[in-house]
């Protein structure tokens, strides 16, 4: 009847919540055939029915979720699932209508901008979110996002503290390494980490970032406060990361979070067809990568990217860095103690990982950064459990002091602080016990 009244195929499909292909199929049938086929189709088991409990639970707890985010969550939980965007979108729409789960949509208008040439422009911005933890607490997280203006290929890094200028520079270096080069121009907001002010068109950068830009030799485009559309692309990326990756995701620790963020980029962020360019960013990037400018090692590496970042020591006496595990000496992990250590990337080619107990402490472990993923990088000396021999030596030294209780407490404190140098420290204490047993 709708076809006889000259309704379009698209409108008929929307009215009955079916595809246009199905509408064409029904139009080629008689009325009785179409009625029978449509009735049978309504009784069919749908592909996502087996995941309904999961979808319903997510929507009831987080009613604002988009179909795209639910699809990503399904792929994360069920990696072998193959389903199209439209299938998920229509199914979520039906679930919302059936169970009366409404969604609030905010609309913002943007002005179209010309497509950038390959290798010309990179856009950068920062964001922050509040996440629920596995302990049902709330934690504030911070991230920096990058997007190549031509291919829309993205990169991001997260941390559990506010960014400093040194953090921003370190992340730029990681992004250049991830992309395999740099662009001619980078677009920024007027962020306090990078700029002091913009005086009548003259950009005044912070001293540290000015030195970095001078060495890396890229052009800066600073967005005017009244012209946010010039960086609308990266604003959309920040919104996409918040809405599709971070929203309602449970936080375990920062290493796990960054690893899951990278997996999301591969699975969704850089793989889904972009609605503007109508292509997959990861496929377009293969072409744009050839137009990026090569990046050489920084001469001022110590002053620009030598800042430390924290990691937690795991029960197996390892720390995680860029999807790999790196060993620390046996005994570094404490069951009821503080297991935070600080890592630093150094070396001419940024290929040396330094691990310390504190930012200015002596080196706990040193490794060559692996270019592989998912492996254990282990120093053989870290496997030697010398605790028994150390305990015997410590007991003999403690017994030589007049106040054994105080001596034992102080020696334990020193040994816990410098686990890698226990024997050296005990030799010093033995010398003290022999020369000044009454101290």
Protein backbone atom coordinates (compact mmCIF):
# COMPACT_ATOMS: atom_id res chain seq x y z
CA UNK A 1 0.00 0.00 0.00
CA UNK A 2 2.82 2.43 0.84
CA UNK A 3 4.49 1.64 -2.49
CA UNK A 4 1.22 2.31 -4.35
CA UNK A 5 1.03 5.69 -2.57
CA UNK A 6 4.50 6.48 -3.98
CA UNK A 7 6.35 6.25 -0.66
CA UNK A 8 10.10 5.93 -1.20
CA UNK A 9 11.87 2.63 -0.51
CA UNK A 10 13.94 4.35 2.21
CA UNK A 11 10.80 5.55 4.00
CA UNK A 12 9.19 2.11 3.81
CA UNK A 13 12.37 0.51 5.18
CA UNK A 14 12.46 3.00 8.05
CA UNK A 15 8.78 2.47 8.84
CA UNK A 16 9.14 -1.31 9.13
CA UNK A 17 12.74 -1.27 10.48
CA UNK A 18 14.06 -3.42 7.67
CA UNK A 19 16.75 -2.91 5.04
CA UNK A 20 16.02 -1.43 1.61
CA UNK A 21 17.15 -4.72 0.04
CA UNK A 22 14.39 -6.50 1.95
CA UNK A 23 11.84 -3.91 0.79
CA UNK A 24 12.81 -4.53 -2.84
CA UNK A 25 12.43 -8.28 -2.21
CA UNK A 26 8.90 -7.80 -0.84
CA UNK A 27 7.90 -5.52 -3.73
CA UNK A 28 8.70 -8.34 -6.17
CA UNK A 29 6.26 -10.66 -4.31
CA UNK A 30 2.50 -10.89 -4.30
CA UNK A 31 0.71 -9.47 -1.23
CA UNK A 32 0.10 -12.95 0.24
CA UNK A 33 3.71 -14.02 -0.33
CA UNK A 34 5.03 -10.82 1.23
CA UNK A 35 2.69 -11.12 4.22
CA UNK A 36 3.77 -14.71 4.88
CA UNK A 37 7.46 -13.94 4.42
CA UNK A 38 7.27 -10.87 6.66
CA UNK A 39 5.52 -12.86 9.39
CA UNK A 40 8.15 -15.57 9.28
CA UNK A 41 10.90 -12.96 9.31
CA UNK A 42 9.52 -11.38 12.46
CA UNK A 43 9.81 -14.75 14.23
CA UNK A 44 13.44 -15.30 13.19
CA UNK A 45 16.16 -15.45 15.80
CA UNK A 46 18.44 -12.47 15.32
CA UNK A 47 22.21 -12.66 15.38
CA UNK A 48 22.56 -10.52 18.51
CA UNK A 49 19.81 -12.24 20.50
CA UNK A 50 22.38 -14.43 22.25
CA UNK A 51 24.06 -11.25 23.54
CA UNK A 52 20.82 -9.58 24.66
CA UNK A 53 21.50 -10.06 28.38
CA UNK A 54 24.83 -8.27 28.06
CA UNK A 55 23.41 -5.47 25.91
CA UNK A 56 20.42 -4.97 28.20
CA UNK A 57 22.63 -4.88 31.30
CA UNK A 58 24.89 -2.26 29.72
CA UNK A 59 21.98 -0.09 28.56
CA UNK A 60 20.21 -0.27 31.91
CA UNK A 61 23.35 0.80 33.78
CA UNK A 62 24.60 3.26 31.14
CA UNK A 63 21.55 4.38 29.12
CA UNK A 64 23.58 7.00 27.22
CA UNK A 65 25.74 4.39 25.42
CA UNK A 66 25.86 4.59 21.64
CA UNK A 67 25.45 1.61 19.32
CA UNK A 68 29.08 2.09 18.21
CA UNK A 69 30.32 1.81 21.78
CA UNK A 70 28.20 -1.27 22.47
CA UNK A 71 29.62 -2.88 19.33
CA UNK A 72 33.15 -2.18 20.57
CA UNK A 73 32.33 -3.68 23.98
CA UNK A 74 30.91 -6.78 22.29
CA UNK A 75 34.05 -7.16 20.15
CA UNK A 76 36.23 -6.73 23.23
CA UNK A 77 34.33 -9.41 25.13
CA UNK A 78 33.68 -11.68 22.13
CA UNK A 79 36.64 -11.17 19.71
CA UNK A 80 35.34 -13.67 17.14
CA UNK A 81 31.97 -11.92 16.70
CA UNK A 82 31.39 -10.63 13.17
CA UNK A 83 28.58 -8.12 12.88
CA UNK A 84 27.92 -4.99 10.83
CA UNK A 85 27.39 -1.48 12.17
CA UNK A 86 23.85 -1.24 10.80
CA UNK A 87 22.88 -4.59 12.35
CA UNK A 88 24.02 -3.40 15.78
CA UNK A 89 22.41 0.01 15.34
CA UNK A 90 19.01 -1.43 14.39
CA UNK A 91 19.15 -4.04 17.14
CA UNK A 92 20.00 -1.44 19.81
CA UNK A 93 17.17 0.74 18.54
CA UNK A 94 14.73 -2.17 18.92
CA UNK A 95 16.01 -2.99 22.41
CA UNK A 96 15.62 0.65 23.49
CA UNK A 97 12.05 0.76 22.17
CA UNK A 98 11.05 -2.60 23.64
CA UNK A 99 12.48 -1.93 27.10
CA UNK A 100 11.81 1.83 27.09
CA UNK A 101 15.46 2.87 27.55
CA UNK A 102 15.71 6.43 26.23
CA UNK A 103 18.92 8.12 25.13
CA UNK A 104 19.74 11.82 25.38
CA UNK A 105 21.54 13.24 22.35
CA UNK A 106 23.47 16.52 22.33
CA UNK A 107 23.76 18.26 18.96
CA UNK A 108 26.63 20.58 18.02
CA UNK A 109 27.03 22.24 14.62
CA UNK A 110 30.36 22.31 12.77
CA UNK A 111 31.55 24.03 9.61
CA UNK A 112 33.11 21.90 6.88
CA UNK A 113 36.85 22.41 6.27
CA UNK A 114 38.93 21.31 3.23
CA UNK A 115 40.74 17.97 3.31
CA UNK A 116 44.41 18.38 4.29
CA UNK A 117 47.18 17.00 2.04
CA UNK A 118 49.03 13.88 3.16
CA UNK A 119 51.74 14.50 5.73
CA UNK A 120 50.92 18.16 6.24
CA UNK A 121 49.04 18.43 9.53
CA UNK A 122 48.76 16.73 12.92
CA UNK A 123 46.24 17.92 15.53
CA UNK A 124 46.82 17.54 19.28
CA UNK A 125 44.62 18.07 22.32
CA UNK A 126 44.18 16.91 25.92
CA UNK A 127 41.26 15.46 27.82
CA UNK A 128 40.31 14.00 31.16
CA UNK A 129 37.79 11.51 32.50
CA UNK A 130 36.59 10.09 35.79
CA UNK A 131 36.50 6.30 35.88
CA UNK A 132 35.12 3.73 38.28
CA UNK A 133 37.78 1.37 39.62
CA UNK A 134 37.52 -2.35 40.34
CA UNK A 135 37.31 -1.33 44.04
CA UNK A 136 34.18 0.75 43.25
CA UNK A 137 36.10 3.99 43.79
CA UNK A 138 36.53 6.90 41.39
CA UNK A 139 39.82 7.99 39.82
CA UNK A 140 40.66 10.97 37.59
CA UNK A 141 42.59 10.10 34.43
CA UNK A 142 44.25 12.36 31.87
CA UNK A 143 45.08 11.74 28.21
CA UNK A 144 46.70 13.36 25.20
CA UNK A 145 45.30 12.62 21.74
CA UNK A 146 46.84 12.96 18.28
CA UNK A 147 45.18 12.68 14.86
CA UNK A 148 46.65 12.96 11.36
CA UNK A 149 44.42 15.43 9.52
CA UNK A 150 44.41 13.54 6.21
CA UNK A 151 43.98 9.89 7.20
CA UNK A 152 42.32 10.50 10.60
CA UNK A 153 44.79 7.98 12.06
CA UNK A 154 44.84 8.39 15.85
CA UNK A 155 47.21 7.91 18.78
CA UNK A 156 46.72 8.48 22.51
CA UNK A 157 48.43 8.09 25.86
CA UNK A 158 46.93 8.11 29.35
CA UNK A 159 48.32 8.82 32.81
CA UNK A 160 46.94 9.07 36.33
CA UNK A 161 48.28 12.58 37.03
CA UNK A 162 48.01 15.93 35.24
CA UNK A 163 50.31 16.42 32.26
CA UNK A 164 53.45 18.54 32.52
CA UNK A 165 55.32 20.08 29.59
CA UNK A 166 57.88 17.27 29.89
CA UNK A 167 55.06 14.71 29.65
CA UNK A 168 53.72 16.45 26.55
CA UNK A 169 57.14 16.35 24.87
CA UNK A 170 57.63 12.69 25.77
CA UNK A 171 54.23 11.84 24.28
CA UNK A 172 55.05 13.77 21.10
CA UNK A 173 58.16 11.64 20.70
CA UNK A 174 56.14 8.47 21.27
CA UNK A 175 53.57 9.64 18.72
CA UNK A 176 56.26 10.37 16.10
CA UNK A 177 57.70 6.92 16.73
CA UNK A 178 54.22 5.38 16.45
CA UNK A 179 53.50 7.18 13.17
CA UNK A 180 56.98 6.65 11.78
CA UNK A 181 57.61 10.36 11.23
CA UNK A 182 56.26 13.89 11.77
CA UNK A 183 54.10 16.34 9.84
CA UNK A 184 54.98 19.83 8.60
CA UNK A 185 52.49 21.48 10.96
CA UNK A 186 50.90 20.70 14.33
CA UNK A 187 47.66 22.31 15.51
CA UNK A 188 47.18 23.11 19.22
CA UNK A 189 44.77 24.87 21.50
CA UNK A 190 46.15 27.67 23.69
CA UNK A 191 47.20 25.23 26.40
CA UNK A 192 49.24 26.37 29.40
CA UNK A 193 51.62 23.41 28.96
CA UNK A 194 52.83 24.76 25.63
CA UNK A 195 52.07 28.46 25.42
CA UNK A 196 52.40 31.45 27.70
CA UNK A 197 50.24 33.74 25.55
CA UNK A 198 49.41 34.88 22.02
CA UNK A 199 50.28 38.56 21.68
CA UNK A 200 48.73 40.17 18.57
CA UNK A 201 49.31 37.03 16.55
CA UNK A 202 52.76 36.31 18.01
CA UNK A 203 52.86 32.95 19.79
CA UNK A 204 54.85 32.93 23.03
CA UNK A 205 55.75 29.34 23.94
CA UNK A 206 56.93 27.98 27.27
CA UNK A 207 60.73 27.76 27.41
CA UNK A 208 60.85 23.95 27.39
CA UNK A 209 58.44 23.58 24.49
CA UNK A 210 60.12 26.37 22.52
CA UNK A 211 63.42 24.46 22.76
CA UNK A 212 61.66 21.28 21.62
CA UNK A 213 59.97 22.95 18.62
CA UNK A 214 63.27 24.55 17.62
CA UNK A 215 64.99 21.16 17.59
CA UNK A 216 62.17 19.22 15.95
CA UNK A 217 61.55 21.97 13.37
CA UNK A 218 57.80 21.76 12.88
CA UNK A 219 55.41 24.67 12.32
CA UNK A 220 52.82 25.50 14.98
CA UNK A 221 49.25 26.58 14.30
CA UNK A 222 47.68 27.90 17.50
CA UNK A 223 43.89 28.01 17.54
CA UNK A 224 42.32 31.29 18.48
CA UNK A 225 40.01 31.13 21.49
CA UNK A 226 37.15 32.45 19.37
CA UNK A 227 37.80 29.95 16.58
CA UNK A 228 37.42 26.43 18.00
CA UNK A 229 36.33 25.04 14.62
CA UNK A 230 39.93 25.14 13.33
CA UNK A 231 40.62 22.18 15.59
CA UNK A 232 37.19 20.58 15.35
CA UNK A 233 38.75 17.36 14.09
CA UNK A 234 40.79 16.73 17.25
CA UNK A 235 37.88 17.86 19.42
CA UNK A 236 35.83 15.12 17.78
CA UNK A 237 38.63 12.63 18.49
CA UNK A 238 38.72 13.64 22.17
CA UNK A 239 34.95 13.28 22.30
CA UNK A 240 35.18 9.91 20.51
CA UNK A 241 37.79 8.62 22.97
CA UNK A 242 35.73 9.75 25.94
CA UNK A 243 32.45 8.43 24.55
CA UNK A 244 33.47 5.20 22.84
CA UNK A 245 36.54 4.02 24.72
CA UNK A 246 36.51 5.53 28.22
CA UNK A 247 32.83 5.97 29.01
CA UNK A 248 31.70 3.48 31.69
CA UNK A 249 34.86 1.36 31.30
CA UNK A 250 36.26 -0.01 34.58
CA UNK A 251 39.79 1.08 35.54
CA UNK A 252 42.29 -1.44 36.92
CA UNK A 253 45.69 0.27 36.66
CA UNK A 254 47.31 2.74 34.26
CA UNK A 255 49.39 0.11 32.44
CA UNK A 256 46.34 -2.04 31.76
CA UNK A 257 44.36 1.07 30.75
CA UNK A 258 46.96 2.15 28.16
CA UNK A 259 47.16 -1.38 26.79
CA UNK A 260 43.38 -1.54 26.38
CA UNK A 261 43.45 1.92 24.78
CA UNK A 262 45.94 0.66 22.17
CA UNK A 263 43.77 -2.39 21.53
CA UNK A 264 40.75 -0.12 21.07
CA UNK A 265 42.64 1.97 18.51
CA UNK A 266 43.47 -1.16 16.50
CA UNK A 267 40.02 -2.69 16.84
CA UNK A 268 37.81 0.39 16.56
CA UNK A 269 39.40 3.85 16.67
CA UNK A 270 41.57 3.42 13.57
CA UNK A 271 39.68 0.57 11.91
CA UNK A 272 36.07 1.70 11.66
CA UNK A 273 35.13 3.53 8.46
CA UNK A 274 35.35 7.29 9.11
CA UNK A 275 32.04 9.02 8.38
CA UNK A 276 33.71 11.96 6.59
CA UNK A 277 36.36 10.35 4.39
CA UNK A 278 34.33 7.12 3.99
CA UNK A 279 37.48 5.03 4.43
CA UNK A 280 39.26 3.17 7.20
CA UNK A 281 41.96 5.38 8.82
CA UNK A 282 44.38 2.45 9.16
CA UNK A 283 44.20 1.82 5.40
CA UNK A 284 44.61 5.49 4.41
CA UNK A 285 47.49 5.82 6.89
CA UNK A 286 49.54 3.29 4.91
CA UNK A 287 49.63 5.87 2.11
CA UNK A 288 50.02 8.96 4.30
CA UNK A 289 52.91 7.39 6.21
CA UNK A 290 55.04 7.67 3.07
CA UNK A 291 54.63 11.48 3.16
CA UNK A 292 55.74 11.99 6.78
CA UNK A 293 59.12 13.56 7.52
CA UNK A 294 61.68 11.27 9.19
CA UNK A 295 62.56 11.96 12.82
CA UNK A 296 66.15 11.75 14.10
CA UNK A 297 67.16 11.20 17.76
CA UNK A 298 66.92 14.30 19.95
CA UNK A 299 70.22 15.97 20.85
CA UNK A 300 68.71 17.43 24.01
CA UNK A 301 67.12 14.18 25.08
CA UNK A 302 68.05 14.45 28.77
CA UNK A 303 66.43 17.85 29.23
CA UNK A 304 63.36 17.25 27.10
CA UNK A 305 62.11 13.72 27.55
CA UNK A 306 64.03 12.42 30.54
CA UNK A 307 61.10 12.84 32.91
CA UNK A 308 60.07 9.86 35.00
CA UNK A 309 56.71 8.14 35.01
CA UNK A 310 55.43 5.74 37.65
CA UNK A 311 54.66 2.05 37.40
CA UNK A 312 53.54 -0.59 39.90
CA UNK A 313 55.64 -3.69 40.55
CA UNK A 314 53.66 -6.88 39.90
CA UNK A 315 53.69 -9.94 42.16
CA UNK A 316 56.13 -11.66 39.80
CA UNK A 317 58.64 -8.80 40.29
CA UNK A 318 58.07 -7.21 36.87
CA UNK A 319 56.75 -3.89 35.61
CA UNK A 320 54.78 -3.35 32.42
CA UNK A 321 55.88 -0.93 29.71
CA UNK A 322 54.50 -0.67 26.16
CA UNK A 323 52.81 -4.10 26.24
CA UNK A 324 55.92 -5.90 27.58
CA UNK A 325 57.07 -6.99 31.04
CA UNK A 326 60.48 -6.04 32.41
CA UNK A 327 62.06 -7.72 35.44
CA UNK A 328 63.23 -6.13 38.68
CA UNK A 329 65.27 -7.91 41.40
CA UNK A 330 63.59 -10.66 43.42
CA UNK A 331 62.22 -9.13 46.61
CA UNK A 332 61.29 -5.77 45.06
CA UNK A 333 57.57 -6.58 45.33
CA UNK A 334 56.22 -6.15 48.88
CA UNK A 335 52.99 -7.84 49.91
CA UNK A 336 51.78 -5.01 52.14
CA UNK A 337 54.13 -2.24 51.06
CA UNK A 338 54.37 0.51 48.48
CA UNK A 339 55.16 -1.10 45.11
CA UNK A 340 55.46 2.08 43.07
CA UNK A 341 58.66 2.55 41.04
CA UNK A 342 59.68 5.16 38.48
CA UNK A 343 60.80 4.47 34.93
CA UNK A 344 62.76 6.61 32.50
CA UNK A 345 63.64 6.16 28.82
CA UNK A 346 67.17 7.26 27.93
CA UNK A 347 69.88 6.61 25.34
CA UNK A 348 70.72 8.12 21.98
CA UNK A 349 67.92 6.16 20.29
CA UNK A 350 65.59 6.18 23.30
CA UNK A 351 66.13 2.45 23.73
CA UNK A 352 67.17 2.13 27.38
CA UNK A 353 64.66 1.59 30.19
CA UNK A 354 65.81 2.72 33.65
CA UNK A 355 63.83 1.60 36.73
CA UNK A 356 64.28 3.34 40.10
CA UNK A 357 62.68 3.10 43.54
CA UNK A 358 62.09 6.85 43.49
CA UNK A 359 62.69 9.62 40.95
CA UNK A 360 66.18 10.44 42.26
CA UNK A 361 67.07 7.05 43.74
CA UNK A 362 69.77 4.67 42.62
CA UNK A 363 69.04 2.47 39.62
CA UNK A 364 67.04 -0.65 40.47
CA UNK A 365 67.14 -2.23 36.99
CA UNK A 366 68.18 -1.38 33.44
CA UNK A 367 66.90 -2.97 30.21
CA UNK A 368 67.07 -2.48 26.46
CA UNK A 369 63.57 -1.52 25.26
CA UNK A 370 62.12 -4.32 23.15
CA UNK A 371 60.41 -3.55 19.84
CA UNK A 372 58.33 -6.73 20.16
CA UNK A 373 55.01 -6.97 21.98
CA UNK A 374 53.79 -9.28 24.73
CA UNK A 375 57.20 -10.61 25.83
CA UNK A 376 59.11 -10.83 29.11
CA UNK A 377 62.44 -8.98 29.17
CA UNK A 378 64.41 -10.48 32.06
CA UNK A 379 67.82 -9.89 33.58
CA UNK A 380 69.16 -13.28 34.69
CA UNK A 381 70.62 -11.80 37.87
CA UNK A 382 67.11 -10.82 38.93
CA UNK A 383 66.18 -14.51 39.23
CA UNK A 384 68.77 -15.35 41.85
CA UNK A 385 67.15 -15.57 45.23
CA UNK A 386 69.92 -14.60 47.59
CA UNK A 387 67.57 -13.83 50.45
CA UNK A 388 68.65 -16.84 52.56
CA UNK A 389 72.34 -15.93 52.46
CA UNK A 390 71.50 -12.29 53.08
CA UNK A 391 69.37 -13.18 56.12
CA UNK A 392 72.18 -15.22 57.67
CA UNK A 393 74.64 -12.36 57.12
CA UNK A 394 72.17 -9.82 58.50
CA UNK A 395 71.53 -11.89 61.64
CA UNK A 396 75.24 -12.12 62.40
CA UNK A 397 75.64 -8.36 61.96
CA UNK A 398 72.61 -7.49 64.13
CA UNK A 399 73.96 -9.72 66.90
CA UNK A 400 77.19 -7.69 66.96
CA UNK A 401 75.38 -4.50 67.98
CA UNK A 402 74.55 -3.69 71.58
CA UNK A 403 70.97 -2.61 70.76
CA UNK A 404 69.90 -5.46 68.48
CA UNK A 405 66.28 -4.33 68.16
CA UNK A 406 67.16 -0.85 66.89
CA UNK A 407 69.90 -2.24 64.66
CA UNK A 408 67.55 -4.80 63.10
CA UNK A 409 64.86 -2.16 62.43
CA UNK A 410 67.30 0.29 60.85
CA UNK A 411 69.05 -2.34 58.72
CA UNK A 412 65.67 -3.61 57.41
CA UNK A 413 64.72 -0.07 56.41
CA UNK A 414 67.96 0.39 54.45
CA UNK A 415 67.72 -3.02 52.77
CA UNK A 416 64.13 -2.42 51.69
CA UNK A 417 65.14 0.91 50.21
CA UNK A 418 68.08 -0.51 48.26
CA UNK A 419 67.14 -4.15 47.48
CA UNK A 420 69.65 -4.43 44.66
CA UNK A 421 72.58 -3.50 46.92
CA UNK A 422 71.74 -5.54 50.01
CA UNK A 423 75.12 -7.25 50.29
CA UNK A 424 77.00 -4.00 49.77
CA UNK A 425 74.93 -2.32 52.47
CA UNK A 426 75.44 -5.25 54.87
CA UNK A 427 79.20 -5.06 54.38
CA UNK A 428 79.04 -1.42 55.49
CA UNK A 429 77.00 -2.40 58.56
CA UNK A 430 79.46 -5.21 59.37
CA UNK A 431 82.31 -2.72 59.30
CA UNK A 432 80.32 -0.42 61.61
CA UNK A 433 79.57 -3.29 64.00
CA UNK A 434 83.25 -4.17 64.23
CA UNK A 435 84.41 -0.59 64.77
CA UNK A 436 81.49 0.87 66.78
CA UNK A 437 79.37 -1.92 68.31
CA UNK A 438 77.84 0.45 70.86
CA UNK A 439 76.24 2.75 68.25
